[in-house]
PDB file of all heavy atoms in Angstrom:
ATOM      1  N   LEU A   1      11.497 -13.069 -14.383  1.00  0.00           N
ATOM      2  CA  LEU A   1      11.909 -12.156 -13.277  1.00  0.00           C
ATOM      3  C   LEU A   1      11.453 -12.705 -11.938  1.00  0.00           C
ATOM      4  O   LEU A   1      12.181 -12.671 -10.967  1.00  0.00           O
ATOM      5  CB  LEU A   1      11.255 -10.812 -13.500  1.00  0.00           C
ATOM      6  CG  LEU A   1      11.658  -9.634 -12.631  1.00  0.00           C
ATOM      7  CD1 LEU A   1      13.163  -9.409 -12.800  1.00  0.00           C
ATOM      8  CD2 LEU A   1      10.895  -8.408 -13.076  1.00  0.00           C
ATOM      9  N   MET A   2      10.258 -13.366 -11.924  1.00  0.00           N
ATOM     10  CA  MET A   2       9.773 -13.950 -10.671  1.00  0.00           C
ATOM     11  C   MET A   2      10.700 -15.055 -10.222  1.00  0.00           C
ATOM     12  O   MET A   2      10.989 -15.208  -9.022  1.00  0.00           O
ATOM     13  CB  MET A   2       8.364 -14.503 -10.880  1.00  0.00           C
ATOM     14  CG  MET A   2       7.330 -13.471 -11.099  1.00  0.00           C
ATOM     15  SD  MET A   2       6.735 -12.626  -9.610  1.00  0.00           S
ATOM     16  CE  MET A   2       7.931 -11.358  -9.394  1.00  0.00           C
ATOM     17  N   SER A   3      11.162 -15.866 -11.152  1.00  0.00           N
ATOM     18  CA  SER A   3      12.050 -16.983 -10.759  1.00  0.00           C
ATOM     19  C   SER A   3      13.376 -16.449 -10.231  1.00  0.00           C
ATOM     20  O   SER A   3      13.992 -16.994  -9.294  1.00  0.00           O
ATOM     21  CB  SER A   3      12.308 -17.918 -11.954  1.00  0.00           C
ATOM     22  OG  SER A   3      12.948 -17.206 -12.989  1.00  0.00           O
ATOM     23  N   GLN A   4      13.897 -15.325 -10.804  1.00  0.00           N
ATOM     24  CA  GLN A   4      15.112 -14.703 -10.265  1.00  0.00           C
ATOM     25  C   GLN A   4      14.955 -14.226  -8.851  1.00  0.00           C
ATOM     26  O   GLN A   4      15.770 -14.456  -7.969  1.00  0.00           O
ATOM     27  CB  GLN A   4      15.552 -13.535 -11.177  1.00  0.00           C
ATOM     28  CG  GLN A   4      16.000 -13.982 -12.578  1.00  0.00           C
ATOM     29  CD  GLN A   4      16.364 -12.718 -13.396  1.00  0.00           C
ATOM     30  OE1 GLN A   4      16.750 -11.682 -12.868  1.00  0.00           O
ATOM     31  NE2 GLN A   4      16.234 -12.883 -14.717  1.00  0.00           N
ATOM     32  N   LEU A   5      13.777 -13.557  -8.609  1.00  0.00           N
ATOM     33  CA  LEU A   5      13.524 -13.059  -7.251  1.00  0.00           C
ATOM     34  C   LEU A   5      13.384 -14.209  -6.267  1.00  0.00           C
ATOM     35  O   LEU A   5      13.827 -14.109  -5.124  1.00  0.00           O
ATOM     36  CB  LEU A   5      12.286 -12.184  -7.265  1.00  0.00           C
ATOM     37  CG  LEU A   5      12.369 -10.846  -7.982  1.00  0.00           C
ATOM     38  CD1 LEU A   5      10.993 -10.215  -8.062  1.00  0.00           C
ATOM     39  CD2 LEU A   5      13.346  -9.941  -7.292  1.00  0.00           C
ATOM     40  N   SER A   6      12.743 -15.257  -6.749  1.00  0.00           N
ATOM     41  CA  SER A   6      12.534 -16.398  -5.861  1.00  0.00           C
ATOM     42  C   SER A   6      13.849 -17.099  -5.489  1.00  0.00           C
ATOM     43  O   SER A   6      14.106 -17.482  -4.351  1.00  0.00           O
ATOM     44  CB  SER A   6      11.616 -17.407  -6.530  1.00  0.00           C
ATOM     45  OG  SER A   6      11.397 -18.525  -5.739  1.00  0.00           O
ATOM     46  N   SER A   7      14.784 -17.235  -6.475  1.00  0.00           N
ATOM     47  CA  SER A   7      16.047 -17.841  -6.220  1.00  0.00           C
ATOM     48  C   SER A   7      16.919 -16.979  -5.381  1.00  0.00           C
ATOM     49  O   SER A   7      17.767 -17.461  -4.596  1.00  0.00           O
ATOM     50  CB  SER A   7      16.754 -18.194  -7.559  1.00  0.00           C
ATOM     51  OG  SER A   7      17.033 -16.980  -8.266  1.00  0.00           O
ATOM     52  N   ALA A   8      16.782 -15.649  -5.472  1.00  0.00           N
ATOM     53  CA  ALA A   8      17.572 -14.755  -4.620  1.00  0.00           C
ATOM     54  C   ALA A   8      17.196 -14.889  -3.216  1.00  0.00           C
ATOM     55  O   ALA A   8      18.006 -14.761  -2.282  1.00  0.00           O
ATOM     56  CB  ALA A   8      17.392 -13.340  -5.092  1.00  0.00           C
ATOM     57  N   GLY A   9      15.954 -15.180  -2.919  1.00  0.00           N
ATOM     58  CA  GLY A   9      15.469 -15.413  -1.525  1.00  0.00           C
ATOM     59  C   GLY A   9      15.418 -14.171  -0.683  1.00  0.00           C
ATOM     60  O   GLY A   9      16.126 -13.231  -0.891  1.00  0.00           O
ATOM     61  N   GLY A  10      14.509 -14.210   0.321  1.00  0.00           N
ATOM     62  CA  GLY A  10      14.430 -13.176   1.341  1.00  0.00           C
ATOM     63  C   GLY A  10      13.879 -11.855   0.774  1.00  0.00           C
ATOM     64  O   GLY A  10      13.833 -11.638  -0.429  1.00  0.00           O
ATOM     65  N   GLY A  11      13.516 -10.991   1.691  1.00  0.00           N
ATOM     66  CA  GLY A  11      13.132  -9.630   1.282  1.00  0.00           C
ATOM     67  C   GLY A  11      11.684  -9.504   1.023  1.00  0.00           C
ATOM     68  O   GLY A  11      10.981 -10.403   0.511  1.00  0.00           O
ATOM     69  N   PHE A  12      11.132  -8.396   1.345  1.00  0.00           N
ATOM     70  CA  PHE A  12       9.716  -8.021   1.115  1.00  0.00           C
ATOM     71  C   PHE A  12       9.518  -7.758  -0.367  1.00  0.00           C
ATOM     72  O   PHE A  12      10.293  -7.072  -0.998  1.00  0.00           O
ATOM     73  CB  PHE A  12       9.465  -6.754   1.921  1.00  0.00           C
ATOM     74  CG  PHE A  12       8.077  -6.078   1.596  1.00  0.00           C
ATOM     75  CD1 PHE A  12       6.947  -6.455   2.266  1.00  0.00           C
ATOM     76  CD2 PHE A  12       8.032  -5.073   0.653  1.00  0.00           C
ATOM     77  CE1 PHE A  12       5.754  -5.834   1.977  1.00  0.00           C
ATOM     78  CE2 PHE A  12       6.836  -4.481   0.370  1.00  0.00           C
ATOM     79  CZ  PHE A  12       5.662  -4.839   1.008  1.00  0.00           C
ATOM     80  N   VAL A  13       8.487  -8.350  -0.965  1.00  0.00           N
ATOM     81  CA  VAL A  13       8.172  -8.115  -2.380  1.00  0.00           C
ATOM     82  C   VAL A  13       6.721  -7.688  -2.485  1.00  0.00           C
ATOM     83  O   VAL A  13       5.818  -8.395  -1.993  1.00  0.00           O
ATOM     84  CB  VAL A  13       8.393  -9.347  -3.212  1.00  0.00           C
ATOM     85  CG1 VAL A  13       8.027  -9.088  -4.700  1.00  0.00           C
ATOM     86  CG2 VAL A  13       9.815  -9.831  -3.134  1.00  0.00           C
ATOM     87  N   ALA A  14       6.488  -6.490  -3.036  1.00  0.00           N
ATOM     88  CA  ALA A  14       5.148  -6.025  -3.330  1.00  0.00           C
ATOM     89  C   ALA A  14       5.104  -5.752  -4.850  1.00  0.00           C
ATOM     90  O   ALA A  14       6.116  -5.659  -5.536  1.00  0.00           O
ATOM     91  CB  ALA A  14       4.827  -4.761  -2.549  1.00  0.00           C
ATOM     92  N   ALA A  15       3.877  -5.602  -5.325  1.00  0.00           N
ATOM     93  CA  ALA A  15       3.672  -5.360  -6.743  1.00  0.00           C
ATOM     94  C   ALA A  15       2.594  -4.282  -6.928  1.00  0.00           C
ATOM     95  O   ALA A  15       1.648  -4.237  -6.153  1.00  0.00           O
ATOM     96  CB  ALA A  15       3.250  -6.623  -7.511  1.00  0.00           C
ATOM     97  N   VAL A  16       2.754  -3.451  -7.923  1.00  0.00           N
ATOM     98  CA  VAL A  16       1.681  -2.507  -8.337  1.00  0.00           C
ATOM     99  C   VAL A  16       1.493  -2.681  -9.811  1.00  0.00           C
ATOM    100  O   VAL A  16       2.442  -2.809 -10.584  1.00  0.00           O
ATOM    101  CB  VAL A  16       2.118  -1.070  -7.935  1.00  0.00           C
ATOM    102  CG1 VAL A  16       3.429  -0.646  -8.622  1.00  0.00           C
ATOM    103  CG2 VAL A  16       1.020  -0.077  -8.362  1.00  0.00           C
ATOM    104  N   VAL A  17       0.241  -2.683 -10.237  1.00  0.00           N
ATOM    105  CA  VAL A  17      -0.122  -2.755 -11.622  1.00  0.00           C
ATOM    106  C   VAL A  17      -1.032  -1.617 -11.999  1.00  0.00           C
ATOM    107  O   VAL A  17      -1.951  -1.288 -11.262  1.00  0.00           O
ATOM    108  CB  VAL A  17      -0.770  -4.128 -11.979  1.00  0.00           C
ATOM    109  CG1 VAL A  17       0.209  -5.261 -11.735  1.00  0.00           C
ATOM    110  CG2 VAL A  17      -2.059  -4.334 -11.126  1.00  0.00           C
ATOM    111  N   ASN A  18      -0.743  -1.014 -13.143  1.00  0.00           N
ATOM    112  CA  ASN A  18      -1.582   0.101 -13.598  1.00  0.00           C
ATOM    113  C   ASN A  18      -1.797  -0.048 -15.103  1.00  0.00           C
ATOM    114  O   ASN A  18      -1.234   0.683 -15.883  1.00  0.00           O
ATOM    115  CB  ASN A  18      -0.853   1.439 -13.285  1.00  0.00           C
ATOM    116  CG  ASN A  18      -1.686   2.621 -13.701  1.00  0.00           C
ATOM    117  OD1 ASN A  18      -2.924   2.510 -13.856  1.00  0.00           O
ATOM    118  ND2 ASN A  18      -1.051   3.804 -13.762  1.00  0.00           N
ATOM    119  N   PRO A  19      -2.569  -1.106 -15.494  1.00  0.00           N
ATOM    120  CA  PRO A  19      -2.700  -1.377 -16.887  1.00  0.00           C
ATOM    121  C   PRO A  19      -3.716  -0.455 -17.615  1.00  0.00           C
ATOM    122  O   PRO A  19      -4.417   0.299 -16.974  1.00  0.00           O
ATOM    123  CB  PRO A  19      -3.260  -2.833 -16.893  1.00  0.00           C
ATOM    124  CG  PRO A  19      -4.080  -2.893 -15.644  1.00  0.00           C
ATOM    125  CD  PRO A  19      -3.326  -1.986 -14.639  1.00  0.00           C
ATOM    126  N   ALA A  20      -3.756  -0.559 -18.944  1.00  0.00           N
ATOM    127  CA  ALA A  20      -4.761   0.112 -19.698  1.00  0.00           C
ATOM    128  C   ALA A  20      -6.157  -0.514 -19.463  1.00  0.00           C
ATOM    129  O   ALA A  20      -6.254  -1.506 -18.706  1.00  0.00           O
ATOM    130  CB  ALA A  20      -4.392   0.070 -21.210  1.00  0.00           C
ATOM    131  N   ARG A  21      -7.122  -0.011 -20.144  1.00  0.00           N
ATOM    132  CA  ARG A  21      -8.487  -0.479 -19.927  1.00  0.00           C
ATOM    133  C   ARG A  21      -8.622  -1.969 -20.241  1.00  0.00           C
ATOM    134  O   ARG A  21      -9.502  -2.675 -19.753  1.00  0.00           O
ATOM    135  CB  ARG A  21      -9.482   0.293 -20.776  1.00  0.00           C
ATOM    136  CG  ARG A  21      -9.769   1.694 -20.281  1.00  0.00           C
ATOM    137  CD  ARG A  21     -10.629   2.498 -21.222  1.00  0.00           C
ATOM    138  NE  ARG A  21     -10.906   3.803 -20.644  1.00  0.00           N
ATOM    139  CZ  ARG A  21     -12.146   4.191 -20.227  1.00  0.00           C
ATOM    140  NH1 ARG A  21     -13.131   3.351 -20.289  1.00  0.00           N
ATOM    141  NH2 ARG A  21     -12.322   5.386 -19.659  1.00  0.00           N
ATOM    142  N   ALA A  22      -7.754  -2.491 -21.118  1.00  0.00           N
ATOM    143  CA  ALA A  22      -7.818  -3.905 -21.522  1.00  0.00           C
ATOM    144  C   ALA A  22      -7.403  -4.801 -20.388  1.00  0.00           C
ATOM    145  O   ALA A  22      -7.564  -6.046 -20.476  1.00  0.00           O
ATOM    146  CB  ALA A  22      -6.938  -4.172 -22.682  1.00  0.00           C
ATOM    147  N   GLY A  23      -6.867  -4.304 -19.287  1.00  0.00           N
ATOM    148  CA  GLY A  23      -6.474  -5.089 -18.143  1.00  0.00           C
ATOM    149  C   GLY A  23      -5.163  -5.807 -18.397  1.00  0.00           C
ATOM    150  O   GLY A  23      -4.461  -5.595 -19.342  1.00  0.00           O
ATOM    151  N   LEU A  24      -4.814  -6.735 -17.456  1.00  0.00           N
ATOM    152  CA  LEU A  24      -3.601  -7.484 -17.544  1.00  0.00           C
ATOM    153  C   LEU A  24      -3.816  -8.788 -18.367  1.00  0.00           C
ATOM    154  O   LEU A  24      -4.856  -9.414 -18.270  1.00  0.00           O
ATOM    155  CB  LEU A  24      -3.105  -7.873 -16.100  1.00  0.00           C
ATOM    156  CG  LEU A  24      -2.661  -6.770 -15.180  1.00  0.00           C
ATOM    157  CD1 LEU A  24      -2.440  -7.361 -13.803  1.00  0.00           C
ATOM    158  CD2 LEU A  24      -1.433  -6.085 -15.689  1.00  0.00           C
ATOM    159  N   HIS A  25      -2.756  -9.178 -19.078  1.00  0.00           N
ATOM    160  CA  HIS A  25      -2.743 -10.440 -19.761  1.00  0.00           C
ATOM    161  C   HIS A  25      -2.817 -11.550 -18.711  1.00  0.00           C
ATOM    162  O   HIS A  25      -2.294 -11.436 -17.623  1.00  0.00           O
ATOM    163  CB  HIS A  25      -1.457 -10.570 -20.576  1.00  0.00           C
ATOM    164  CG  HIS A  25      -1.426 -11.678 -21.527  1.00  0.00           C
ATOM    165  ND1 HIS A  25      -1.189 -13.009 -21.161  1.00  0.00           N
ATOM    166  CD2 HIS A  25      -1.634 -11.726 -22.889  1.00  0.00           C
ATOM    167  CE1 HIS A  25      -1.229 -13.777 -22.230  1.00  0.00           C
ATOM    168  NE2 HIS A  25      -1.492 -13.032 -23.265  1.00  0.00           N
ATOM    169  N   HIS A  26      -3.525 -12.640 -19.039  1.00  0.00           N
ATOM    170  CA  HIS A  26      -3.734 -13.697 -18.068  1.00  0.00           C
ATOM    171  C   HIS A  26      -2.451 -14.338 -17.601  1.00  0.00           C
ATOM    172  O   HIS A  26      -2.351 -14.800 -16.474  1.00  0.00           O
ATOM    173  CB  HIS A  26      -4.705 -14.801 -18.643  1.00  0.00           C
ATOM    174  CG  HIS A  26      -4.116 -15.555 -19.754  1.00  0.00           C
ATOM    175  ND1 HIS A  26      -3.398 -16.711 -19.527  1.00  0.00           N
ATOM    176  CD2 HIS A  26      -4.136 -15.398 -21.112  1.00  0.00           C
ATOM    177  CE1 HIS A  26      -2.977 -17.236 -20.740  1.00  0.00           C
ATOM    178  NE2 HIS A  26      -3.436 -16.410 -21.682  1.00  0.00           N
ATOM    179  N   LYS A  27      -1.403 -14.253 -18.454  1.00  0.00           N
ATOM    180  CA  LYS A  27      -0.118 -14.785 -18.008  1.00  0.00           C
ATOM    181  C   LYS A  27       0.542 -13.905 -16.967  1.00  0.00           C
ATOM    182  O   LYS A  27       1.312 -14.392 -16.109  1.00  0.00           O
ATOM    183  CB  LYS A  27       0.818 -14.959 -19.250  1.00  0.00           C
ATOM    184  CG  LYS A  27       0.466 -16.060 -20.214  1.00  0.00           C
ATOM    185  CD  LYS A  27       1.440 -16.238 -21.326  1.00  0.00           C
ATOM    186  CE  LYS A  27       1.017 -17.347 -22.265  1.00  0.00           C
ATOM    187  NZ  LYS A  27       2.006 -17.481 -23.410  1.00  0.00           N
ATOM    188  N   VAL A  28       0.302 -12.614 -17.031  1.00  0.00           N
ATOM    189  CA  VAL A  28       0.782 -11.692 -15.998  1.00  0.00           C
ATOM    190  C   VAL A  28       0.115 -11.983 -14.685  1.00  0.00           C
ATOM    191  O   VAL A  28       0.757 -12.046 -13.621  1.00  0.00           O
ATOM    192  CB  VAL A  28       0.587 -10.223 -16.419  1.00  0.00           C
ATOM    193  CG1 VAL A  28       1.065  -9.255 -15.279  1.00  0.00           C
ATOM    194  CG2 VAL A  28       1.306  -9.943 -17.743  1.00  0.00           C
ATOM    195  N   VAL A  29      -1.201 -12.132 -14.699  1.00  0.00           N
ATOM    196  CA  VAL A  29      -1.950 -12.434 -13.472  1.00  0.00           C
ATOM    197  C   VAL A  29      -1.434 -13.797 -12.899  1.00  0.00           C
ATOM    198  O   VAL A  29      -1.256 -13.925 -11.693  1.00  0.00           O
ATOM    199  CB  VAL A  29      -3.457 -12.561 -13.795  1.00  0.00           C
ATOM    200  CG1 VAL A  29      -4.244 -12.996 -12.553  1.00  0.00           C
ATOM    201  CG2 VAL A  29      -3.997 -11.212 -14.317  1.00  0.00           C
TER     202      VAL A  29
END
């Protein structure tokens, strides 16, 4: 998904994460 957004170009991109207590997988980070 990140590569698609990057190839599309332009535009403000923000992210919000609300994981469980186990946190985010290191690949997500």
